[in-house]
């Protein structure tokens, strides 16, 4: 029964954890798309305002870093779910918890601070302003997506804690060498090992023709 519950928790954690990976892949693709558009804009219409002192396009690289981070967390979650190792599960829960803390800090700064835009550097690409306008126009959809992502992360932490409480798989991890079954153990329970007696070798009787030939050689 415990083995079946553990397998269900492992499969469920992998499934829910895949949603975080999908968000990470979407963030990476969006960041790459913004970088491609920005490079094409610079190549086609170079602006005289863009120079060495121009702020870095942090918004694009932030999305890339966020996507890579989510993908790394997803990989660690799959490894933790597959092995059911306590250390891996603790690391995975710590990563998800730190991500939740970061999301909560950014959300609190946006909703509680009226001048929250001043906390972010200037984005020369204009993608940050476009993203802000998009969120304002589709606030309800964006709110549902954000809450869904947070719920998925909380569910991953809950499943990881349940899997940690169930413990490691008993057939994969051994505490001592006594749990291993020797290779020379017989399959039959009532099997009796044969007894061997050590003594002088016993030679069979020699035939007559051999004796005659030996005697002839001795007489010569």
N, C-alpha and C. Protein backbone atom coordinates (compact mmCIF):
# COMPACT_ATOMS: atom_id res chain seq x y z
N UNK A 1 0.83 -1.20 0.00
CA UNK A 1 0.00 0.00 0.00
C UNK A 1 0.87 1.26 0.00
N UNK A 2 1.91 1.25 0.85
CA UNK A 2 2.80 2.40 0.90
C UNK A 2 3.53 2.63 -0.40
N UNK A 3 3.90 1.51 -1.07
CA UNK A 3 4.58 1.65 -2.35
C UNK A 3 3.67 2.28 -3.39
N UNK A 4 2.40 1.93 -3.40
CA UNK A 4 1.47 2.49 -4.36
C UNK A 4 1.23 3.98 -4.10
N UNK A 5 1.10 4.35 -2.83
CA UNK A 5 0.91 5.77 -2.49
C UNK A 5 2.13 6.58 -2.88
N UNK A 6 3.32 6.02 -2.64
CA UNK A 6 4.55 6.72 -2.99
C UNK A 6 4.66 6.91 -4.50
N UNK A 7 4.29 5.90 -5.27
CA UNK A 7 4.33 6.01 -6.72
C UNK A 7 3.34 7.05 -7.23
N UNK A 8 2.16 7.11 -6.61
CA UNK A 8 1.17 8.12 -7.02
C UNK A 8 1.67 9.53 -6.71
N UNK A 9 2.30 9.71 -5.55
CA UNK A 9 2.82 11.02 -5.19
C UNK A 9 3.96 11.43 -6.12
N UNK A 10 4.79 10.47 -6.50
CA UNK A 10 5.88 10.77 -7.42
C UNK A 10 5.34 11.21 -8.79
N UNK A 11 4.37 10.46 -9.30
CA UNK A 11 3.80 10.81 -10.60
C UNK A 11 3.08 12.15 -10.56
N UNK A 12 2.35 12.40 -9.48
CA UNK A 12 1.62 13.66 -9.36
C UNK A 12 2.58 14.84 -9.24
N UNK A 13 3.68 14.66 -8.50
CA UNK A 13 4.66 15.74 -8.37
C UNK A 13 5.33 16.04 -9.71
N UNK A 14 5.63 15.00 -10.47
CA UNK A 14 6.22 15.21 -11.80
C UNK A 14 5.25 15.96 -12.71
N UNK A 15 3.96 15.60 -12.64
CA UNK A 15 2.97 16.24 -13.49
C UNK A 15 2.80 17.71 -13.15
N UNK A 16 2.65 18.01 -11.86
CA UNK A 16 2.45 19.40 -11.44
C UNK A 16 3.73 20.21 -11.66
N UNK A 17 4.87 19.57 -11.44
CA UNK A 17 6.14 20.26 -11.63
C UNK A 17 6.38 20.61 -13.10
N UNK A 18 5.79 19.83 -14.01
CA UNK A 18 5.95 20.13 -15.44
C UNK A 18 5.31 21.46 -15.81
N UNK A 19 4.28 21.87 -15.07
CA UNK A 19 3.65 23.17 -15.34
C UNK A 19 4.64 24.31 -15.10
N UNK A 20 5.49 24.18 -14.07
CA UNK A 20 6.51 25.20 -13.84
C UNK A 20 7.50 25.23 -14.99
N UNK A 21 7.85 24.06 -15.50
CA UNK A 21 8.74 24.01 -16.64
C UNK A 21 8.16 24.65 -17.89
N UNK A 22 6.85 24.46 -18.09
CA UNK A 22 6.20 25.10 -19.24
C UNK A 22 6.23 26.62 -19.13
N UNK A 23 6.03 27.14 -17.93
CA UNK A 23 6.13 28.60 -17.72
C UNK A 23 7.55 29.08 -17.98
N UNK A 24 8.54 28.29 -17.55
CA UNK A 24 9.93 28.65 -17.80
C UNK A 24 10.27 28.66 -19.28
N UNK A 25 9.79 27.67 -20.03
CA UNK A 25 10.05 27.64 -21.47
C UNK A 25 9.38 28.82 -22.16
N UNK A 26 8.15 29.15 -21.74
CA UNK A 26 7.46 30.31 -22.32
C UNK A 26 8.22 31.60 -22.04
N UNK A 27 8.79 31.73 -20.84
CA UNK A 27 9.56 32.93 -20.51
C UNK A 27 10.83 33.02 -21.36
N UNK A 28 11.48 31.90 -21.58
CA UNK A 28 12.69 31.90 -22.41
C UNK A 28 12.36 32.28 -23.84
N UNK A 29 11.29 31.72 -24.38
CA UNK A 29 10.90 32.05 -25.75
C UNK A 29 10.52 33.53 -25.89
N UNK A 30 9.82 34.05 -24.89
CA UNK A 30 9.45 35.47 -24.94
C UNK A 30 10.69 36.36 -24.85
N UNK A 31 11.63 35.99 -23.99
CA UNK A 31 12.85 36.77 -23.89
C UNK A 31 13.68 36.73 -25.17
N UNK A 32 13.78 35.55 -25.80
CA UNK A 32 14.50 35.45 -27.07
C UNK A 32 13.81 36.26 -28.17
N UNK A 33 12.49 36.25 -28.15
CA UNK A 33 11.75 37.04 -29.16
C UNK A 33 12.02 38.54 -28.97
N UNK A 34 12.03 39.01 -27.73
CA UNK A 34 12.31 40.42 -27.48
C UNK A 34 13.73 40.79 -27.90
N UNK A 35 14.68 39.90 -27.62
CA UNK A 35 16.06 40.17 -28.03
C UNK A 35 16.18 40.22 -29.55
N UNK A 36 15.49 39.32 -30.23
CA UNK A 36 15.54 39.32 -31.69
C UNK A 36 14.93 40.60 -32.26
N UNK A 37 13.82 41.03 -31.73
CA UNK A 37 13.19 42.28 -32.20
C UNK A 37 14.08 43.48 -31.91
N UNK A 38 14.71 43.50 -30.74
CA UNK A 38 15.59 44.61 -30.38
C UNK A 38 16.81 44.67 -31.30
N UNK A 39 17.41 43.53 -31.59
CA UNK A 39 18.57 43.52 -32.49
C UNK A 39 18.18 43.92 -33.91
N UNK A 40 17.04 43.46 -34.34
CA UNK A 40 16.59 43.84 -35.68
C UNK A 40 16.30 45.34 -35.76
N UNK A 41 15.75 45.90 -34.69
CA UNK A 41 15.47 47.33 -34.66
C UNK A 41 16.76 48.14 -34.70
N UNK A 42 17.78 47.68 -34.00
CA UNK A 42 19.07 48.38 -33.99
C UNK A 42 19.75 48.29 -35.36
N UNK A 43 19.66 47.12 -36.00
CA UNK A 43 20.31 46.96 -37.31
C UNK A 43 19.61 47.77 -38.40
N UNK A 44 18.28 47.84 -38.35
CA UNK A 44 17.54 48.55 -39.40
C UNK A 44 17.55 50.06 -39.19
N UNK A 45 17.39 50.47 -37.96
CA UNK A 45 17.28 51.91 -37.68
C UNK A 45 18.12 52.24 -36.46
N UNK A 46 19.42 52.39 -36.62
CA UNK A 46 20.26 52.71 -35.45
C UNK A 46 19.93 54.09 -34.91
N UNK A 47 19.71 54.15 -33.64
CA UNK A 47 19.33 55.41 -33.00
C UNK A 47 20.57 56.12 -32.45
N UNK A 48 20.63 57.44 -32.61
CA UNK A 48 21.78 58.16 -32.04
C UNK A 48 21.77 58.21 -30.53
N UNK A 49 20.63 57.87 -29.90
CA UNK A 49 20.55 57.90 -28.45
C UNK A 49 21.12 56.64 -27.82
N UNK A 50 21.40 55.64 -28.65
CA UNK A 50 21.93 54.37 -28.14
C UNK A 50 23.45 54.43 -28.20
N UNK A 51 24.10 54.37 -27.09
CA UNK A 51 25.54 54.46 -27.02
C UNK A 51 26.08 53.69 -25.83
N UNK A 52 27.31 53.93 -25.47
CA UNK A 52 27.90 53.20 -24.33
C UNK A 52 27.21 53.50 -23.01
N UNK A 53 26.65 54.73 -22.89
CA UNK A 53 26.01 55.11 -21.63
C UNK A 53 24.54 54.70 -21.55
N UNK A 54 24.06 54.06 -22.60
CA UNK A 54 22.65 53.64 -22.61
C UNK A 54 22.45 52.49 -21.63
N UNK A 55 21.39 52.51 -20.79
CA UNK A 55 21.15 51.41 -19.86
C UNK A 55 20.95 50.08 -20.60
N UNK A 56 21.36 49.03 -19.97
CA UNK A 56 21.23 47.70 -20.57
C UNK A 56 19.76 47.31 -20.66
N UNK A 57 19.40 46.55 -21.68
CA UNK A 57 18.00 46.10 -21.80
C UNK A 57 17.71 45.00 -20.78
N UNK A 58 17.54 45.42 -19.53
CA UNK A 58 17.42 44.46 -18.42
C UNK A 58 16.14 43.65 -18.49
N UNK A 59 15.08 44.20 -19.09
CA UNK A 59 13.80 43.51 -19.08
C UNK A 59 13.88 42.20 -19.86
N UNK A 60 14.56 42.20 -20.99
CA UNK A 60 14.68 40.99 -21.81
C UNK A 60 15.49 39.92 -21.08
N UNK A 61 16.60 40.34 -20.51
CA UNK A 61 17.46 39.38 -19.82
C UNK A 61 16.84 38.89 -18.52
N UNK A 62 15.97 39.71 -17.94
CA UNK A 62 15.26 39.25 -16.75
C UNK A 62 14.32 38.10 -17.08
N UNK A 63 13.63 38.21 -18.20
CA UNK A 63 12.75 37.12 -18.61
C UNK A 63 13.56 35.87 -18.95
N UNK A 64 14.71 36.04 -19.58
CA UNK A 64 15.56 34.88 -19.87
C UNK A 64 16.04 34.21 -18.59
N UNK A 65 16.50 35.03 -17.64
CA UNK A 65 16.99 34.47 -16.37
C UNK A 65 15.86 33.79 -15.61
N UNK A 66 14.67 34.38 -15.64
CA UNK A 66 13.53 33.77 -14.97
C UNK A 66 13.18 32.42 -15.60
N UNK A 67 13.19 32.36 -16.92
CA UNK A 67 12.88 31.10 -17.61
C UNK A 67 13.90 30.02 -17.31
N UNK A 68 15.18 30.39 -17.33
CA UNK A 68 16.23 29.41 -17.02
C UNK A 68 16.10 28.93 -15.58
N UNK A 69 15.80 29.83 -14.67
CA UNK A 69 15.63 29.45 -13.26
C UNK A 69 14.47 28.49 -13.08
N UNK A 70 13.37 28.76 -13.74
CA UNK A 70 12.21 27.86 -13.64
C UNK A 70 12.52 26.49 -14.23
N UNK A 71 13.26 26.45 -15.31
CA UNK A 71 13.63 25.16 -15.91
C UNK A 71 14.56 24.37 -15.00
N UNK A 72 15.50 25.07 -14.35
CA UNK A 72 16.39 24.38 -13.40
C UNK A 72 15.60 23.84 -12.21
N UNK A 73 14.65 24.61 -11.71
CA UNK A 73 13.80 24.14 -10.61
C UNK A 73 12.98 22.94 -11.05
N UNK A 74 12.50 22.96 -12.30
CA UNK A 74 11.73 21.82 -12.80
C UNK A 74 12.59 20.56 -12.87
N UNK A 75 13.81 20.69 -13.35
CA UNK A 75 14.72 19.53 -13.42
C UNK A 75 15.02 18.99 -12.03
N UNK A 76 15.27 19.88 -11.08
CA UNK A 76 15.53 19.42 -9.72
C UNK A 76 14.29 18.74 -9.12
N UNK A 77 13.11 19.24 -9.47
CA UNK A 77 11.89 18.61 -8.97
C UNK A 77 11.69 17.22 -9.54
N UNK A 78 11.99 17.02 -10.82
CA UNK A 78 11.88 15.69 -11.41
C UNK A 78 12.88 14.72 -10.78
N UNK A 79 14.10 15.20 -10.53
CA UNK A 79 15.09 14.34 -9.90
C UNK A 79 14.66 13.98 -8.47
N UNK A 80 14.14 14.96 -7.74
CA UNK A 80 13.69 14.70 -6.37
C UNK A 80 12.50 13.74 -6.36
N UNK A 81 11.59 13.89 -7.31
CA UNK A 81 10.42 13.01 -7.36
C UNK A 81 10.81 11.59 -7.75
N UNK A 82 11.80 11.46 -8.62
CA UNK A 82 12.20 10.13 -9.08
C UNK A 82 12.97 9.37 -8.01
N UNK A 83 13.86 10.05 -7.32
CA UNK A 83 14.69 9.39 -6.33
C UNK A 83 14.06 9.33 -4.94
N UNK A 84 13.14 10.27 -4.66
CA UNK A 84 12.52 10.37 -3.33
C UNK A 84 13.57 10.56 -2.24
N UNK A 85 14.69 11.17 -2.61
CA UNK A 85 15.77 11.41 -1.67
C UNK A 85 15.45 12.63 -0.81
N UNK A 86 15.74 12.53 0.48
CA UNK A 86 15.41 13.62 1.38
C UNK A 86 16.16 14.90 1.08
N UNK A 87 17.45 14.78 0.74
CA UNK A 87 18.25 15.97 0.44
C UNK A 87 17.75 16.67 -0.82
N UNK A 88 17.43 15.87 -1.85
CA UNK A 88 16.92 16.45 -3.09
C UNK A 88 15.58 17.13 -2.88
N UNK A 89 14.73 16.52 -2.07
CA UNK A 89 13.42 17.11 -1.80
C UNK A 89 13.56 18.40 -1.00
N UNK A 90 14.49 18.44 -0.04
CA UNK A 90 14.71 19.66 0.72
C UNK A 90 15.22 20.78 -0.19
N UNK A 91 16.15 20.47 -1.08
CA UNK A 91 16.68 21.49 -2.00
C UNK A 91 15.57 22.01 -2.93
N UNK A 92 14.74 21.09 -3.40
CA UNK A 92 13.65 21.49 -4.30
C UNK A 92 12.67 22.40 -3.57
N UNK A 93 12.30 22.04 -2.36
CA UNK A 93 11.37 22.88 -1.59
C UNK A 93 11.99 24.25 -1.27
N UNK A 94 13.30 24.27 -1.03
CA UNK A 94 13.96 25.55 -0.77
C UNK A 94 13.93 26.44 -2.00
N UNK A 95 14.18 25.86 -3.19
CA UNK A 95 14.13 26.64 -4.43
C UNK A 95 12.74 27.23 -4.66
N UNK A 96 11.73 26.40 -4.49
CA UNK A 96 10.36 26.87 -4.71
C UNK A 96 9.98 27.93 -3.68
N UNK A 97 10.42 27.74 -2.44
CA UNK A 97 10.10 28.71 -1.39
C UNK A 97 10.76 30.06 -1.69
N UNK A 98 12.02 30.05 -2.11
CA UNK A 98 12.70 31.30 -2.46
C UNK A 98 12.02 31.99 -3.64
N UNK A 99 11.55 31.20 -4.59
CA UNK A 99 10.83 31.78 -5.73
C UNK A 99 9.53 32.42 -5.28
N UNK A 100 8.83 31.77 -4.37
CA UNK A 100 7.59 32.36 -3.84
C UNK A 100 7.87 33.65 -3.07
N UNK A 101 8.95 33.68 -2.31
CA UNK A 101 9.31 34.89 -1.57
C UNK A 101 9.61 36.04 -2.54
N UNK A 102 10.32 35.74 -3.62
CA UNK A 102 10.63 36.77 -4.62
C UNK A 102 9.37 37.28 -5.29
N UNK A 103 8.49 36.40 -5.66
CA UNK A 103 7.23 36.81 -6.28
C UNK A 103 6.38 37.64 -5.32
N UNK A 104 6.34 37.24 -4.06
CA UNK A 104 5.57 38.00 -3.07
C UNK A 104 6.16 39.39 -2.87
N UNK A 105 7.49 39.49 -2.88
CA UNK A 105 8.12 40.81 -2.69
C UNK A 105 7.82 41.74 -3.86
N UNK A 106 7.91 41.22 -5.08
CA UNK A 106 7.62 42.06 -6.26
C UNK A 106 6.15 42.46 -6.29
N UNK A 107 5.26 41.52 -5.96
CA UNK A 107 3.83 41.84 -5.95
C UNK A 107 3.48 42.87 -4.89
N UNK A 108 4.07 42.72 -3.71
CA UNK A 108 3.80 43.70 -2.65
C UNK A 108 4.33 45.07 -3.02
N UNK A 109 5.48 45.13 -3.68
CA UNK A 109 6.03 46.42 -4.08
C UNK A 109 5.16 47.10 -5.13
N UNK A 110 4.59 46.30 -6.03
CA UNK A 110 3.76 46.88 -7.10
C UNK A 110 2.44 47.40 -6.54
N UNK A 111 1.81 46.64 -5.65
CA UNK A 111 0.47 47.01 -5.17
C UNK A 111 0.51 47.99 -4.00
N UNK A 112 1.56 47.97 -3.21
CA UNK A 112 1.61 48.84 -2.04
C UNK A 112 2.37 50.13 -2.28
N UNK A 113 3.26 50.14 -3.24
CA UNK A 113 4.06 51.32 -3.53
C UNK A 113 3.51 52.00 -4.77
N UNK A 114 3.06 53.24 -4.61
CA UNK A 114 2.49 53.96 -5.76
C UNK A 114 3.57 54.38 -6.75
N UNK A 115 4.78 54.53 -6.30
CA UNK A 115 5.88 54.90 -7.19
C UNK A 115 6.79 53.69 -7.45
N UNK A 116 6.16 52.54 -7.68
CA UNK A 116 6.94 51.31 -7.84
C UNK A 116 7.79 51.34 -9.12
N UNK A 117 7.39 52.13 -10.12
CA UNK A 117 8.16 52.17 -11.36
C UNK A 117 9.55 52.76 -11.15
N UNK A 118 9.70 53.58 -10.13
CA UNK A 118 11.00 54.17 -9.87
C UNK A 118 11.99 53.15 -9.30
N UNK A 119 11.47 52.02 -8.80
CA UNK A 119 12.36 50.98 -8.28
C UNK A 119 13.04 50.18 -9.37
N UNK A 120 12.55 50.28 -10.59
CA UNK A 120 13.13 49.55 -11.71
C UNK A 120 13.93 50.50 -12.58
N UNK A 121 15.03 50.03 -13.15
CA UNK A 121 15.82 50.91 -14.03
C UNK A 121 15.09 51.18 -15.34
N UNK A 122 15.60 52.14 -16.07
CA UNK A 122 15.00 52.53 -17.35
C UNK A 122 15.28 51.44 -18.39
N UNK A 123 14.24 51.06 -19.11
CA UNK A 123 14.37 50.06 -20.15
C UNK A 123 14.44 50.76 -21.51
N UNK A 124 15.59 50.71 -22.19
CA UNK A 124 15.69 51.44 -23.47
C UNK A 124 14.90 50.79 -24.59
N UNK A 125 14.52 49.53 -24.44
CA UNK A 125 13.79 48.85 -25.51
C UNK A 125 12.32 49.23 -25.56
N UNK A 126 11.76 49.68 -24.46
CA UNK A 126 10.33 49.99 -24.41
C UNK A 126 9.46 48.78 -24.18
N UNK A 127 10.06 47.60 -24.03
CA UNK A 127 9.27 46.39 -23.81
C UNK A 127 8.62 46.39 -22.43
N UNK A 128 9.27 47.03 -21.49
CA UNK A 128 8.69 47.08 -20.15
C UNK A 128 7.39 47.88 -20.15
N UNK A 129 7.37 49.00 -20.86
CA UNK A 129 6.14 49.79 -20.94
C UNK A 129 5.05 49.05 -21.70
N UNK A 130 5.44 48.35 -22.77
CA UNK A 130 4.45 47.57 -23.50
C UNK A 130 3.87 46.45 -22.65
N UNK A 131 4.71 45.80 -21.88
CA UNK A 131 4.24 44.74 -20.99
C UNK A 131 3.32 45.29 -19.92
N UNK A 132 3.64 46.46 -19.42
CA UNK A 132 2.80 47.09 -18.39
C UNK A 132 1.43 47.45 -18.95
N UNK A 133 1.40 47.98 -20.16
CA UNK A 133 0.13 48.32 -20.80
C UNK A 133 -0.70 47.07 -21.06
N UNK A 134 -0.01 46.01 -21.49
CA UNK A 134 -0.73 44.75 -21.75
C UNK A 134 -1.35 44.18 -20.47
N UNK A 135 -0.61 44.26 -19.37
CA UNK A 135 -1.15 43.75 -18.10
C UNK A 135 -2.35 44.58 -17.65
N UNK A 136 -2.29 45.90 -17.85
CA UNK A 136 -3.41 46.75 -17.44
C UNK A 136 -4.66 46.46 -18.28
N UNK A 137 -4.47 46.21 -19.56
CA UNK A 137 -5.62 45.93 -20.41
C UNK A 137 -6.21 44.55 -20.14
N UNK A 138 -5.39 43.61 -19.78
CA UNK A 138 -5.85 42.23 -19.52
C UNK A 138 -5.55 41.85 -18.07
N UNK A 139 -5.97 42.71 -17.17
CA UNK A 139 -5.61 42.51 -15.76
C UNK A 139 -6.24 41.25 -15.19
N UNK A 140 -7.49 40.97 -15.54
CA UNK A 140 -8.17 39.79 -14.98
C UNK A 140 -7.51 38.50 -15.45
N UNK A 141 -7.18 38.45 -16.73
CA UNK A 141 -6.52 37.24 -17.25
C UNK A 141 -5.15 37.07 -16.63
N UNK A 142 -4.40 38.17 -16.55
CA UNK A 142 -3.06 38.10 -15.96
C UNK A 142 -3.12 37.73 -14.48
N UNK A 143 -4.15 38.22 -13.79
CA UNK A 143 -4.30 37.86 -12.38
C UNK A 143 -4.60 36.37 -12.22
N UNK A 144 -5.44 35.82 -13.07
CA UNK A 144 -5.73 34.38 -13.01
C UNK A 144 -4.51 33.54 -13.32
N UNK A 145 -3.72 33.99 -14.31
CA UNK A 145 -2.50 33.26 -14.65
C UNK A 145 -1.50 33.31 -13.51
N UNK A 146 -1.33 34.47 -12.91
CA UNK A 146 -0.41 34.60 -11.79
C UNK A 146 -0.82 33.77 -10.59
N UNK A 147 -2.11 33.80 -10.26
CA UNK A 147 -2.60 32.99 -9.14
C UNK A 147 -2.45 31.49 -9.43
N UNK A 148 -2.65 31.11 -10.68
CA UNK A 148 -2.49 29.70 -11.05
C UNK A 148 -1.05 29.24 -10.87
N UNK A 149 -0.11 30.09 -11.28
CA UNK A 149 1.30 29.74 -11.12
C UNK A 149 1.67 29.62 -9.64
N UNK A 150 1.17 30.54 -8.82
CA UNK A 150 1.46 30.48 -7.39
C UNK A 150 0.84 29.22 -6.77
N UNK A 151 -0.38 28.89 -7.16
CA UNK A 151 -1.03 27.67 -6.63
C UNK A 151 -0.27 26.42 -7.04
N UNK A 152 0.24 26.39 -8.27
CA UNK A 152 1.02 25.24 -8.73
C UNK A 152 2.30 25.11 -7.90
N UNK A 153 2.96 26.22 -7.62
CA UNK A 153 4.18 26.17 -6.81
C UNK A 153 3.89 25.71 -5.38
N UNK A 154 2.80 26.20 -4.80
CA UNK A 154 2.42 25.75 -3.45
C UNK A 154 2.06 24.27 -3.44
N UNK A 155 1.38 23.81 -4.49
CA UNK A 155 1.04 22.39 -4.58
C UNK A 155 2.29 21.53 -4.72
N UNK A 156 3.28 22.02 -5.45
CA UNK A 156 4.54 21.28 -5.58
C UNK A 156 5.22 21.15 -4.23
N UNK A 157 5.22 22.22 -3.44
CA UNK A 157 5.81 22.14 -2.11
C UNK A 157 5.05 21.16 -1.22
N UNK A 158 3.73 21.15 -1.32
CA UNK A 158 2.94 20.23 -0.51
C UNK A 158 3.20 18.78 -0.89
N UNK A 159 3.25 18.50 -2.18
CA UNK A 159 3.53 17.13 -2.63
C UNK A 159 4.93 16.69 -2.25
N UNK A 160 5.88 17.62 -2.31
CA UNK A 160 7.25 17.28 -1.91
C UNK A 160 7.32 16.96 -0.42
N UNK A 161 6.58 17.69 0.41
CA UNK A 161 6.56 17.41 1.84
C UNK A 161 5.91 16.06 2.13
N UNK A 162 4.84 15.74 1.40
CA UNK A 162 4.19 14.44 1.58
C UNK A 162 5.13 13.31 1.16
N UNK A 163 5.83 13.51 0.05
CA UNK A 163 6.77 12.49 -0.41
C UNK A 163 7.93 12.33 0.55
N UNK A 164 8.36 13.45 1.15
CA UNK A 164 9.42 13.35 2.16
C UNK A 164 8.94 12.61 3.40
N UNK A 165 7.68 12.81 3.78
CA UNK A 165 7.14 12.12 4.94
C UNK A 165 7.00 10.61 4.69
N UNK A 166 6.73 10.23 3.45
CA UNK A 166 6.63 8.81 3.13
C UNK A 166 7.96 8.10 3.18
N UNK A 167 9.03 8.83 3.00
CA UNK A 167 10.36 8.23 3.09
C UNK A 167 10.85 7.73 1.75
N UNK A 168 12.09 7.24 1.78
CA UNK A 168 12.71 6.74 0.56
C UNK A 168 12.19 5.36 0.21
N UNK A 169 12.42 4.97 -1.02
CA UNK A 169 11.97 3.67 -1.49
C UNK A 169 12.79 2.58 -0.81
N UNK A 170 12.15 1.60 -0.17
CA UNK A 170 12.92 0.59 0.59
C UNK A 170 13.74 -0.33 -0.29
N UNK A 171 13.37 -0.50 -1.54
CA UNK A 171 14.08 -1.43 -2.40
C UNK A 171 15.20 -0.77 -3.18
N UNK A 172 15.34 0.55 -3.08
CA UNK A 172 16.39 1.25 -3.81
C UNK A 172 17.56 1.65 -2.92
N UNK A 173 17.28 1.86 -1.65
CA UNK A 173 18.32 2.33 -0.76
C UNK A 173 18.44 1.36 0.41
N UNK A 174 19.65 0.93 0.73
CA UNK A 174 19.90 -0.04 1.77
C UNK A 174 20.79 0.59 2.83
N UNK A 175 20.50 0.23 4.09
CA UNK A 175 21.28 0.75 5.19
C UNK A 175 22.54 -0.06 5.43
N UNK A 176 22.55 -1.33 5.10
CA UNK A 176 23.69 -2.19 5.35
C UNK A 176 23.77 -3.24 4.26
N UNK A 177 24.90 -3.95 4.26
CA UNK A 177 25.09 -5.00 3.27
C UNK A 177 24.30 -6.25 3.59
N UNK A 178 23.74 -6.33 4.80
CA UNK A 178 22.97 -7.52 5.16
C UNK A 178 21.67 -7.63 4.42
N UNK A 179 21.19 -6.49 3.83
CA UNK A 179 19.93 -6.53 3.11
C UNK A 179 20.08 -7.12 1.72
N UNK A 180 21.31 -7.24 1.22
CA UNK A 180 21.52 -7.81 -0.09
C UNK A 180 21.40 -9.33 -0.01
N UNK A 181 20.80 -9.92 -1.02
CA UNK A 181 20.66 -11.36 -1.09
C UNK A 181 21.88 -11.96 -1.76
N UNK A 182 22.59 -12.87 -1.14
CA UNK A 182 23.78 -13.45 -1.78
C UNK A 182 23.40 -14.18 -3.05
N UNK A 183 24.37 -14.24 -3.96
CA UNK A 183 24.10 -14.90 -5.23
C UNK A 183 24.10 -16.41 -5.12
N UNK A 184 24.78 -16.95 -4.07
CA UNK A 184 24.89 -18.39 -3.98
C UNK A 184 23.82 -19.03 -3.11
N UNK A 185 22.78 -18.28 -2.75
CA UNK A 185 21.69 -18.86 -1.95
C UNK A 185 20.83 -19.72 -2.86
N UNK A 186 20.58 -20.97 -2.52
CA UNK A 186 19.79 -21.85 -3.41
C UNK A 186 18.34 -21.43 -3.46
N UNK A 187 17.70 -21.79 -4.55
CA UNK A 187 16.28 -21.49 -4.71
C UNK A 187 15.41 -22.40 -3.84
N UNK A 188 15.84 -23.63 -3.60
CA UNK A 188 15.06 -24.57 -2.80
C UNK A 188 15.34 -24.36 -1.32
N UNK A 189 14.30 -24.38 -0.53
CA UNK A 189 14.46 -24.15 0.90
C UNK A 189 15.15 -25.32 1.59
N UNK A 190 14.81 -26.55 1.21
CA UNK A 190 15.34 -27.74 1.86
C UNK A 190 16.56 -28.29 1.14
N UNK A 191 17.24 -27.45 0.43
CA UNK A 191 18.41 -27.88 -0.33
C UNK A 191 19.55 -28.18 0.64
N UNK A 192 20.21 -29.33 0.47
CA UNK A 192 21.31 -29.77 1.32
C UNK A 192 22.59 -29.74 0.51
N UNK A 193 23.58 -29.04 1.00
CA UNK A 193 24.85 -28.99 0.31
C UNK A 193 25.54 -30.33 0.39
N UNK A 194 26.17 -30.77 -0.66
CA UNK A 194 26.89 -32.06 -0.63
C UNK A 194 28.13 -31.96 0.24
N UNK A 195 28.43 -33.09 0.93
CA UNK A 195 29.60 -33.16 1.81
C UNK A 195 30.75 -33.79 1.07
N UNK A 196 31.91 -33.21 1.20
CA UNK A 196 33.10 -33.71 0.53
C UNK A 196 34.09 -34.20 1.58
N UNK A 197 34.70 -35.36 1.31
CA UNK A 197 35.69 -35.96 2.21
C UNK A 197 37.05 -35.90 1.54
N UNK A 198 38.01 -35.38 2.25
CA UNK A 198 39.37 -35.25 1.73
C UNK A 198 40.18 -36.45 2.16
N UNK A 199 40.80 -37.16 1.25
CA UNK A 199 41.60 -38.35 1.56
C UNK A 199 42.59 -38.64 0.45
N UNK A 200 43.25 -39.79 0.57
CA UNK A 200 44.20 -40.20 -0.47
C UNK A 200 43.46 -40.58 -1.72
N UNK A 201 44.04 -40.29 -2.86
CA UNK A 201 43.38 -40.69 -4.11
C UNK A 201 43.35 -42.19 -4.29
N UNK A 202 42.28 -42.64 -4.85
CA UNK A 202 42.08 -44.08 -5.08
C UNK A 202 42.26 -44.34 -6.56
N UNK A 203 43.21 -45.22 -6.88
CA UNK A 203 43.48 -45.56 -8.26
C UNK A 203 42.84 -46.89 -8.59
N UNK A 204 42.36 -47.01 -9.73
CA UNK A 204 41.77 -48.27 -10.17
C UNK A 204 42.84 -49.33 -10.48
N UNK A 205 42.43 -50.58 -10.55
CA UNK A 205 43.35 -51.69 -10.84
C UNK A 205 43.87 -51.60 -12.26
N UNK A 206 45.17 -51.88 -12.41
CA UNK A 206 45.76 -51.83 -13.72
C UNK A 206 45.45 -53.13 -14.47
N UNK A 207 45.34 -53.06 -15.71
CA UNK A 207 45.01 -54.25 -16.50
C UNK A 207 46.26 -55.12 -16.68
N UNK A 208 46.03 -56.34 -17.11
CA UNK A 208 47.10 -57.34 -17.23
C UNK A 208 48.09 -56.99 -18.33
N UNK A 209 47.61 -56.45 -19.42
CA UNK A 209 48.51 -56.12 -20.53
C UNK A 209 49.51 -55.05 -20.12
N UNK A 210 49.09 -54.17 -19.31
CA UNK A 210 50.00 -53.13 -18.83
C UNK A 210 51.07 -53.72 -17.92
N UNK A 211 50.69 -54.65 -17.05
CA UNK A 211 51.66 -55.31 -16.17
C UNK A 211 52.69 -56.12 -16.95
N UNK A 212 52.24 -56.80 -18.03
CA UNK A 212 53.15 -57.63 -18.84
C UNK A 212 54.17 -56.73 -19.51
N UNK A 213 53.74 -55.62 -20.01
CA UNK A 213 54.66 -54.72 -20.69
C UNK A 213 55.68 -54.12 -19.72
N UNK A 214 55.28 -53.86 -18.50
CA UNK A 214 56.20 -53.32 -17.51
C UNK A 214 57.24 -54.38 -17.14
N UNK A 215 56.78 -55.62 -16.97
CA UNK A 215 57.69 -56.70 -16.59
C UNK A 215 58.70 -56.98 -17.67
N UNK A 216 58.25 -56.91 -18.93
CA UNK A 216 59.18 -57.13 -20.05
C UNK A 216 60.27 -56.08 -20.08
N UNK A 217 59.89 -54.85 -19.83
CA UNK A 217 60.89 -53.77 -19.83
C UNK A 217 61.87 -53.96 -18.68
N UNK A 218 61.39 -54.48 -17.52
CA UNK A 218 62.26 -54.68 -16.39
C UNK A 218 63.27 -55.81 -16.62
N UNK A 219 62.84 -56.86 -17.34
CA UNK A 219 63.75 -57.97 -17.59
C UNK A 219 64.82 -57.56 -18.58
N UNK A 220 64.57 -56.73 -19.48
CA UNK A 220 65.56 -56.30 -20.44
C UNK A 220 66.59 -55.42 -19.75
